[in-house]
Amino acid sequence: MAINMEAVTVSPKYQIVIPRKVRESLRIRPGQKIQVIEYDGHVHLIPIRPMRELRGHLKGIDTTVERDKDRV
């Protein structure tokens, strides 16, 4: 897991520019939606991915867990 850490400046309109290394690493494109979460004094920016891009993401997951009878 690579860590990209760079400082950015908030503009008078409260905008920031996501540094190129971070944009390229996360494959962020113009017009893409990003979820903004404030938690415990930190701001987290999470790219929202299309569902089709997540296809196969959970391949190999163990589905044999015991479930409640009303959840089968």
Protein backbone atom coordinates (compact mmCIF):
# COMPACT_ATOMS: atom_id res chain seq x y z
CA MET A 1 0.00 0.00 0.00
CA ALA A 2 1.57 3.24 -1.15
CA ILE A 3 1.09 6.42 0.83
CA ASN A 4 0.87 9.74 -1.00
CA MET A 5 1.06 12.77 1.27
CA GLU A 6 1.11 16.31 -0.07
CA ALA A 7 -0.04 19.68 1.24
CA VAL A 8 -2.74 21.59 -0.60
CA THR A 9 -4.11 25.10 -0.13
CA VAL A 10 -7.78 25.90 0.29
CA SER A 11 -8.85 28.67 -2.11
CA PRO A 12 -11.07 31.61 -1.09
CA LYS A 13 -13.96 29.55 -2.57
CA TYR A 14 -13.04 26.60 -0.29
CA GLN A 15 -11.73 24.55 -3.22
CA ILE A 16 -8.64 22.34 -3.29
CA VAL A 17 -6.67 20.74 -6.11
CA ILE A 18 -6.01 17.02 -5.71
CA PRO A 19 -2.30 16.52 -6.46
CA ARG A 20 -1.45 14.75 -9.74
CA LYS A 21 0.23 11.75 -8.03
CA VAL A 22 -2.91 11.12 -5.99
CA ARG A 23 -5.28 11.60 -8.96
CA GLU A 24 -3.26 9.17 -11.07
CA SER A 25 -2.89 6.63 -8.28
CA LEU A 26 -6.65 6.62 -7.60
CA ARG A 27 -7.61 7.01 -11.28
CA ILE A 28 -9.72 10.09 -10.51
CA ARG A 29 -11.16 11.71 -13.65
CA PRO A 30 -12.76 15.12 -14.24
CA GLY A 31 -16.45 15.08 -13.35
CA GLN A 32 -16.11 12.02 -11.10
CA LYS A 33 -18.03 12.09 -7.82
CA ILE A 34 -16.08 11.91 -4.55
CA GLN A 35 -17.61 11.16 -1.16
CA VAL A 36 -16.48 13.63 1.54
CA ILE A 37 -16.53 12.30 5.10
CA GLU A 38 -15.63 14.27 8.22
CA TYR A 39 -14.71 11.96 11.08
CA ASP A 40 -12.94 12.70 14.33
CA GLY A 41 -11.41 15.94 13.06
CA HIS A 42 -10.22 14.48 9.75
CA VAL A 43 -11.53 14.88 6.21
CA HIS A 44 -11.61 11.75 4.05
CA LEU A 45 -12.12 11.94 0.27
CA ILE A 46 -13.33 8.65 -1.22
CA PRO A 47 -13.79 8.24 -4.98
CA ILE A 48 -17.21 6.83 -5.88
CA ARG A 49 -16.80 3.96 -8.33
CA PRO A 50 -19.40 2.66 -10.80
CA MET A 51 -20.86 -0.73 -9.80
CA ARG A 52 -19.57 -2.40 -12.98
CA GLU A 53 -16.02 -1.47 -11.95
CA LEU A 54 -16.49 -3.48 -8.74
CA ARG A 55 -17.45 -6.68 -10.57
CA GLY A 56 -15.34 -9.59 -9.32
CA HIS A 57 -14.02 -7.57 -6.38
CA LEU A 58 -15.17 -10.19 -3.85
CA LYS A 59 -14.10 -13.23 -5.89
CA GLY A 60 -13.17 -16.10 -3.59
CA ILE A 61 -15.05 -14.79 -0.55
CA ASP A 62 -16.29 -17.52 1.80
CA THR A 63 -20.09 -17.66 1.45
CA THR A 64 -20.56 -20.63 3.77
CA VAL A 65 -21.12 -18.51 6.88
CA GLU A 66 -24.06 -19.52 9.03
CA ARG A 67 -27.00 -17.15 8.55
CA ASP A 68 -30.16 -16.41 10.50
CA LYS A 69 -33.14 -18.37 9.11
CA ASP A 70 -34.91 -15.16 8.07
CA ARG A 71 -31.82 -14.06 6.06
CA VAL A 72 -31.44 -17.09 3.76
